Amino acid sequence: MALLVAVLVALAIAAALAGRYPIALADVAEALVRRLTGSPHQTQIDTVLFAVRFPRILAAALVGGALAAAGAAYQGLFRNPLVSPDILGVSTGAGLGAVLGIFLSLPVFAIQLLAFIVGLATVALVYTITAFVRGRDTILALVLAGVVVGSLAGACISLIKILADPYDQLPAITFWLLGSLASLRNADLAVAAPLVLIGLVPLMLLRWRINVLSLGDEEAKALGINVEALRIVVVSAATLMTASVVAVSGVIGWIGLVMPHLARMIAGPNFDRLLPTSMLMGASYLLLVDTLARTMARIEVPLGILTALLGAPFFLWLLARGREGWS
């Protein structure tokens, strides 16, 4: 854990130094001293650090940690290493809300709010559908309902893209769906961070029950766990975290799939250790990817492209290496 914290701090320092306007480490230290002492003397370095890079570093850590935590919760709940936070359609639903907001030319805050609401409503619809198929395996019903609702939301997104203005709205829709932290503001962090914390608290308080739930429904019931209630709480908490960060960053894939899987190989299946390990690894990974996205080319590369290019081969390697199975 100490090593993961050190890696995260090192990546944060590197992200503060790198960019179109390179900054020396000594200049960063001087800017921090000026801010802590309340010095009225402000330089261009202060503006770059406190208005652009530090908020973006915090955003990358928040989004990556939230997606990885939600992925760890979903993988334990569904007892499957191939599960990601968007298995129930929350990311696709949030994407539909944002695309609809862009199509209607709403302000940025309204677009984010609509993405958040539609993302939550998508998972609520999945649970409503599952309630009508009692008698079947609950996990299987949730997954199938999530696939159906997610496909429907994806079809609606495609329809809106066809109807959108190809010179104005369509580029904005495409860029949002690929994920980016470029337009994130301090106000966005102030709204998203408390929602992530609200979703994280139940996962921390119920971590030993989540361990029991990973044994299977029958075993959990035999140990006195209210399986249905616990599943609703875990899904609601993970969905809240995912929807809150996707609403401000766009759809960023692979983090909630690969990082919890890798964290399980390092820290083991105990959710008490798995959750913080996944969060630290997810925060570090997205911070690294975001730094590459804004420095590797003349124009900024969308995060969804890089996470897929880096995550897909790495996950295939993990699957080929994990021949002993998943626990």
Protein backbone atom coordinates (compact mmCIF):
# COMPACT_ATOMS: atom_id res chain seq x y z
CA MET A 1 0.00 0.00 0.00
CA ALA A 2 2.84 2.38 0.82
CA LEU A 3 4.43 1.62 -2.55
CA LEU A 4 1.18 2.36 -4.37
CA VAL A 5 0.83 5.69 -2.54
CA ALA A 6 4.42 6.56 -3.47
CA VAL A 7 3.74 5.73 -7.13
CA LEU A 8 0.62 7.93 -7.10
CA VAL A 9 2.54 10.85 -5.57
CA ALA A 10 5.39 10.45 -8.07
CA LEU A 11 2.94 10.42 -11.00
CA ALA A 12 1.19 13.51 -9.61
CA ILE A 13 4.51 15.38 -9.42
CA ALA A 14 5.41 14.30 -12.96
CA ALA A 15 2.00 15.45 -14.21
CA ALA A 16 2.50 18.85 -12.58
CA LEU A 17 5.85 19.29 -14.31
CA ALA A 18 4.95 18.00 -17.79
CA GLY A 19 3.02 19.85 -20.46
CA ARG A 20 3.22 22.48 -23.16
CA TYR A 21 4.53 24.86 -20.53
CA PRO A 22 7.26 22.85 -18.71
CA ILE A 23 7.78 23.72 -15.07
CA ALA A 24 10.75 22.87 -12.85
CA LEU A 25 10.26 21.10 -9.53
CA ALA A 26 11.69 24.07 -7.65
CA ASP A 27 9.13 26.37 -9.27
CA VAL A 28 6.32 24.04 -8.17
CA ALA A 29 7.62 24.12 -4.60
CA GLU A 30 7.84 27.93 -4.65
CA ALA A 31 4.29 28.21 -6.01
CA LEU A 32 2.99 25.93 -3.23
CA VAL A 33 4.77 28.04 -0.62
CA ARG A 34 3.25 31.21 -2.06
CA ARG A 35 -0.22 29.68 -1.98
CA LEU A 36 0.15 28.35 1.59
CA THR A 37 1.51 31.66 2.92
CA GLY A 38 -1.13 33.72 1.11
CA SER A 39 1.40 35.73 -0.85
CA PRO A 40 -0.27 38.24 -3.19
CA HIS A 41 2.53 37.82 -5.73
CA GLN A 42 1.20 35.55 -8.49
CA THR A 43 3.13 34.41 -11.56
CA GLN A 44 2.22 32.61 -14.76
CA ILE A 45 3.39 29.41 -13.11
CA ASP A 46 0.80 29.84 -10.36
CA THR A 47 -1.93 30.22 -12.96
CA VAL A 48 -0.86 27.10 -14.86
CA LEU A 49 -0.57 24.98 -11.73
CA PHE A 50 -3.61 26.04 -9.72
CA ALA A 51 -6.02 26.75 -12.56
CA VAL A 52 -5.13 23.91 -14.92
CA ARG A 53 -2.78 21.16 -13.78
CA PHE A 54 -3.61 20.62 -10.11
CA PRO A 55 -7.39 20.44 -10.75
CA ARG A 56 -6.73 18.01 -13.59
CA ILE A 57 -4.48 15.87 -11.38
CA LEU A 58 -7.18 15.72 -8.72
CA ALA A 59 -9.78 14.91 -11.37
CA ALA A 60 -7.72 12.04 -12.79
CA ALA A 61 -7.20 10.57 -9.32
CA LEU A 62 -10.89 10.95 -8.45
CA VAL A 63 -12.25 9.48 -11.69
CA GLY A 64 -9.74 6.63 -11.84
CA GLY A 65 -10.19 5.72 -8.18
CA ALA A 66 -13.99 5.82 -8.40
CA LEU A 67 -14.16 3.66 -11.53
CA ALA A 68 -11.73 1.12 -10.07
CA ALA A 69 -13.63 0.96 -6.77
CA ALA A 70 -16.92 0.45 -8.59
CA GLY A 71 -15.32 -2.25 -10.74
CA ALA A 72 -14.01 -4.09 -7.67
CA ALA A 73 -17.48 -3.99 -6.10
CA TYR A 74 -19.18 -5.28 -9.24
CA GLN A 75 -16.63 -8.05 -9.78
CA GLY A 76 -17.11 -9.28 -6.22
CA LEU A 77 -20.89 -8.97 -6.43
CA PHE A 78 -21.19 -10.83 -9.74
CA ARG A 79 -18.29 -13.20 -8.92
CA ASN A 80 -16.81 -12.60 -12.37
CA PRO A 81 -13.48 -10.97 -13.33
CA LEU A 82 -14.89 -9.80 -16.68
CA VAL A 83 -17.41 -7.46 -15.08
CA SER A 84 -16.92 -3.69 -15.32
CA PRO A 85 -18.87 -0.75 -13.81
CA ASP A 86 -20.97 -0.37 -16.98
CA ILE A 87 -22.31 -3.96 -16.88
CA LEU A 88 -25.74 -2.62 -15.90
CA GLY A 89 -25.66 0.17 -18.47
CA VAL A 90 -24.76 3.13 -16.26
CA SER A 91 -22.02 4.45 -18.57
CA THR A 92 -24.13 4.04 -21.69
CA GLY A 93 -27.07 5.69 -19.94
CA ALA A 94 -24.91 8.61 -18.83
CA GLY A 95 -23.62 8.87 -22.38
CA LEU A 96 -27.19 9.02 -23.67
CA GLY A 97 -28.02 11.81 -21.21
CA ALA A 98 -24.96 13.84 -22.21
CA VAL A 99 -25.54 13.30 -25.93
CA LEU A 100 -29.16 14.41 -25.54
CA GLY A 101 -28.01 17.51 -23.65
CA ILE A 102 -25.50 18.40 -26.37
CA PHE A 103 -28.14 17.81 -29.05
CA LEU A 104 -30.51 20.19 -27.25
CA SER A 105 -27.69 22.79 -26.90
CA LEU A 106 -27.96 22.86 -23.11
CA PRO A 107 -25.30 24.53 -20.91
CA VAL A 108 -22.45 22.41 -19.57
CA PHE A 109 -23.91 22.02 -16.08
CA ALA A 110 -27.25 20.87 -17.51
CA ILE A 111 -25.47 18.34 -19.74
CA GLN A 112 -23.62 16.90 -16.76
CA LEU A 113 -26.76 16.81 -14.65
CA LEU A 114 -28.71 15.06 -17.41
CA ALA A 115 -25.92 12.51 -17.84
CA PHE A 116 -25.92 11.80 -14.10
CA ILE A 117 -29.72 11.42 -13.90
CA VAL A 118 -30.06 9.22 -17.00
CA GLY A 119 -27.16 7.04 -15.83
CA LEU A 120 -28.91 6.36 -12.51
CA ALA A 121 -32.26 5.90 -14.26
CA THR A 122 -30.75 3.28 -16.56
CA VAL A 123 -29.70 1.07 -13.65
CA ALA A 124 -33.09 1.63 -11.98
CA LEU A 125 -34.75 0.42 -15.19
CA VAL A 126 -32.52 -2.67 -15.20
CA TYR A 127 -33.59 -3.51 -11.64
CA THR A 128 -37.24 -2.93 -12.54
CA ILE A 129 -36.97 -5.37 -15.44
CA THR A 130 -35.25 -7.91 -13.20
CA ALA A 131 -38.13 -7.71 -10.71
CA PHE A 132 -40.48 -9.16 -13.35
CA VAL A 133 -38.35 -12.25 -14.01
CA ARG A 134 -38.44 -13.81 -10.55
CA GLY A 135 -37.67 -17.50 -10.48
CA ARG A 136 -34.54 -17.08 -12.58
CA ASP A 137 -30.99 -16.59 -11.38
CA THR A 138 -30.84 -12.98 -10.13
CA ILE A 139 -27.28 -12.36 -11.27
CA LEU A 140 -28.00 -13.69 -14.76
CA ALA A 141 -31.21 -11.65 -14.97
CA LEU A 142 -29.35 -8.46 -13.99
CA VAL A 143 -26.64 -9.04 -16.57
CA LEU A 144 -29.11 -9.82 -19.38
CA ALA A 145 -31.29 -6.84 -18.50
CA GLY A 146 -28.18 -4.63 -18.40
CA VAL A 147 -27.14 -5.82 -21.85
CA VAL A 148 -30.59 -5.15 -23.30
CA VAL A 149 -31.00 -1.70 -21.75
CA GLY A 150 -27.40 -0.76 -22.61
CA SER A 151 -27.95 -1.79 -26.23
CA LEU A 152 -31.13 0.26 -26.37
CA ALA A 153 -29.32 3.32 -24.96
CA GLY A 154 -26.51 2.79 -27.47
CA ALA A 155 -29.03 2.70 -30.32
CA CYS A 156 -30.53 5.98 -29.09
CA ILE A 157 -27.04 7.53 -29.01
CA SER A 158 -26.45 6.44 -32.62
CA LEU A 159 -29.79 7.91 -33.67
CA ILE A 160 -28.99 11.27 -32.05
CA LYS A 161 -25.55 11.29 -33.71
CA ILE A 162 -27.24 10.87 -37.09
CA LEU A 163 -29.64 13.73 -36.38
CA ALA A 164 -27.00 16.06 -34.87
CA ASP A 165 -25.39 18.98 -36.69
CA PRO A 166 -22.26 17.44 -38.31
CA TYR A 167 -20.27 20.67 -38.02
CA ASP A 168 -21.01 21.62 -34.41
CA GLN A 169 -22.85 19.06 -32.32
CA LEU A 170 -21.44 15.82 -33.75
CA PRO A 171 -17.76 16.60 -32.96
CA ALA A 172 -18.72 17.56 -29.40
CA ILE A 173 -20.73 14.35 -28.99
CA THR A 174 -17.91 12.20 -30.34
CA PHE A 175 -15.29 13.86 -28.15
CA TRP A 176 -17.46 13.49 -25.02
CA LEU A 177 -18.12 9.80 -25.66
CA LEU A 178 -14.38 9.15 -25.88
CA GLY A 179 -13.72 10.72 -22.46
CA SER A 180 -11.58 13.69 -21.50
CA LEU A 181 -10.56 15.76 -18.48
CA ALA A 182 -9.65 18.83 -20.52
CA SER A 183 -12.77 20.84 -19.72
CA LEU A 184 -13.08 19.82 -16.06
CA ARG A 185 -13.36 22.74 -13.63
CA ASN A 186 -13.00 23.09 -9.87
CA ALA A 187 -16.78 23.37 -9.60
CA ASP A 188 -17.15 19.97 -11.28
CA LEU A 189 -14.80 18.42 -8.73
CA ALA A 190 -16.69 20.06 -5.89
CA VAL A 191 -19.89 18.35 -7.06
CA ALA A 192 -18.48 14.95 -8.07
CA ALA A 193 -16.19 14.36 -5.07
CA PRO A 194 -18.95 14.33 -2.39
CA LEU A 195 -21.05 11.97 -4.52
CA VAL A 196 -18.11 9.59 -4.87
CA LEU A 197 -17.55 9.75 -1.11
CA ILE A 198 -21.23 8.99 -0.46
CA GLY A 199 -20.97 5.91 -2.66
CA LEU A 200 -17.67 4.83 -1.13
CA VAL A 201 -18.83 4.89 2.50
CA PRO A 202 -21.28 1.94 2.21
CA LEU A 203 -18.67 -0.14 0.40
CA MET A 204 -16.21 0.44 3.23
CA LEU A 205 -18.76 -0.23 5.98
CA LEU A 206 -20.08 -3.40 4.33
CA ARG A 207 -16.75 -4.77 3.14
CA TRP A 208 -16.90 -8.00 5.19
CA ARG A 209 -20.47 -8.67 4.02
CA ILE A 210 -19.31 -8.20 0.43
CA ASN A 211 -16.68 -10.87 1.09
CA VAL A 212 -19.43 -13.23 2.26
CA LEU A 213 -21.60 -12.36 -0.75
CA SER A 214 -18.79 -13.42 -3.09
CA LEU A 215 -19.18 -16.99 -1.76
CA GLY A 216 -22.62 -17.29 -3.36
CA ASP A 217 -26.20 -16.47 -2.45
CA GLU A 218 -26.94 -19.72 -0.61
CA GLU A 219 -23.81 -19.53 1.55
CA ALA A 220 -24.45 -15.85 2.31
CA LYS A 221 -28.05 -16.55 3.35
CA ALA A 222 -26.88 -19.40 5.57
CA LEU A 223 -24.58 -16.93 7.35
CA GLY A 224 -27.46 -14.53 8.01
CA ILE A 225 -26.89 -12.03 5.18
CA ASN A 226 -29.88 -10.36 3.56
CA VAL A 227 -28.64 -10.96 0.02
CA GLU A 228 -31.21 -8.89 -1.86
CA ALA A 229 -30.84 -5.84 0.37
CA LEU A 230 -27.05 -6.04 0.31
CA ARG A 231 -26.99 -6.40 -3.47
CA ILE A 232 -29.18 -3.32 -3.88
CA VAL A 233 -26.93 -1.28 -1.57
CA VAL A 234 -23.72 -2.34 -3.35
CA VAL A 235 -25.16 -1.75 -6.83
CA SER A 236 -26.57 1.64 -5.78
CA ALA A 237 -23.25 2.75 -4.25
CA ALA A 238 -21.17 1.61 -7.23
CA THR A 239 -23.65 3.12 -9.68
CA LEU A 240 -23.63 6.45 -7.86
CA MET A 241 -19.83 6.59 -8.01
CA THR A 242 -19.73 5.65 -11.69
CA ALA A 243 -22.49 8.02 -12.77
CA SER A 244 -21.01 10.96 -10.86
CA VAL A 245 -17.59 10.70 -12.53
CA VAL A 246 -18.83 9.72 -15.99
CA ALA A 247 -21.10 12.78 -15.96
CA VAL A 248 -18.08 15.10 -15.71
CA SER A 249 -15.39 13.15 -17.59
CA GLY A 250 -17.24 11.27 -20.32
CA VAL A 251 -17.05 7.54 -20.93
CA ILE A 252 -13.62 6.16 -19.98
CA GLY A 253 -13.40 2.41 -20.37
CA TRP A 254 -11.16 -0.41 -19.14
CA ILE A 255 -10.17 1.14 -15.80
CA GLY A 256 -12.99 -0.51 -13.87
CA LEU A 257 -12.23 -3.81 -15.61
CA VAL A 258 -8.44 -4.10 -15.61
CA MET A 259 -7.41 -2.36 -12.38
CA PRO A 260 -9.57 -4.41 -9.95
CA HIS A 261 -8.47 -7.58 -11.72
CA LEU A 262 -4.81 -6.65 -11.33
CA ALA A 263 -5.38 -5.49 -7.74
CA ARG A 264 -6.92 -8.87 -6.91
CA MET A 265 -3.77 -10.59 -8.15
CA ILE A 266 -1.64 -8.34 -5.92
CA ALA A 267 -3.71 -7.89 -2.75
CA GLY A 268 -5.92 -10.99 -2.83
CA PRO A 269 -9.71 -11.33 -2.81
CA ASN A 270 -10.28 -9.81 0.65
CA PHE A 271 -12.40 -6.75 -0.10
CA ASP A 272 -10.94 -4.93 2.92
CA ARG A 273 -7.60 -4.76 1.09
CA LEU A 274 -8.88 -5.06 -2.46
CA LEU A 275 -10.91 -1.82 -2.38
CA PRO A 276 -8.12 0.63 -1.42
CA THR A 277 -5.64 -1.21 -3.64
CA SER A 278 -7.98 -0.92 -6.63
CA MET A 279 -8.59 2.78 -5.95
CA LEU A 280 -4.88 3.62 -5.74
CA MET A 281 -4.09 1.64 -8.89
CA GLY A 282 -7.02 3.16 -10.79
CA ALA A 283 -6.04 6.69 -9.75
CA SER A 284 -2.40 6.13 -10.77
CA TYR A 285 -3.34 4.53 -14.07
CA LEU A 286 -5.68 7.32 -15.19
CA LEU A 287 -3.20 9.95 -14.03
CA LEU A 288 -0.52 8.32 -16.20
CA VAL A 289 -2.88 8.01 -19.17
CA ASP A 290 -4.07 11.62 -18.83
CA THR A 291 -0.49 12.89 -18.72
CA LEU A 292 0.29 10.95 -21.89
CA ALA A 293 -2.91 12.18 -23.54
CA ARG A 294 -1.95 15.84 -23.22
CA THR A 295 1.79 15.51 -23.95
CA MET A 296 2.28 12.76 -26.55
CA ALA A 297 0.87 14.64 -29.57
CA ARG A 298 0.20 18.15 -30.82
CA ILE A 299 -3.50 17.74 -30.06
CA GLU A 300 -4.92 16.07 -26.97
CA VAL A 301 -5.79 12.41 -27.41
CA PRO A 302 -9.14 11.31 -25.91
CA LEU A 303 -8.68 9.16 -22.83
CA GLY A 304 -10.98 6.38 -24.04
CA ILE A 305 -8.65 5.68 -26.95
CA LEU A 306 -5.54 5.40 -24.79
CA THR A 307 -7.18 3.32 -22.06
CA ALA A 308 -8.35 0.86 -24.72
CA LEU A 309 -4.97 0.72 -26.49
CA LEU A 310 -3.15 0.12 -23.20
CA GLY A 311 -5.81 -1.85 -21.35
CA ALA A 312 -6.88 -4.42 -23.93
CA PRO A 313 -3.46 -6.07 -24.53
CA PHE A 314 -2.65 -5.90 -20.82
CA PHE A 315 -5.92 -7.59 -19.89
CA LEU A 316 -5.33 -10.32 -22.47
CA TRP A 317 -1.94 -10.92 -20.85
CA LEU A 318 -3.59 -11.12 -17.43
CA LEU A 319 -6.09 -13.68 -18.68
CA ALA A 320 -3.36 -15.77 -20.32
CA ARG A 321 -1.27 -15.61 -17.15
CA GLY A 322 -4.09 -16.43 -14.71
CA ARG A 323 -4.42 -20.12 -15.56
CA GLU A 324 -5.00 -21.08 -11.95
CA GLY A 325 -8.47 -19.49 -12.07
CA TRP A 326 -10.10 -16.59 -10.30
CA SER A 327 -11.05 -16.36 -6.63
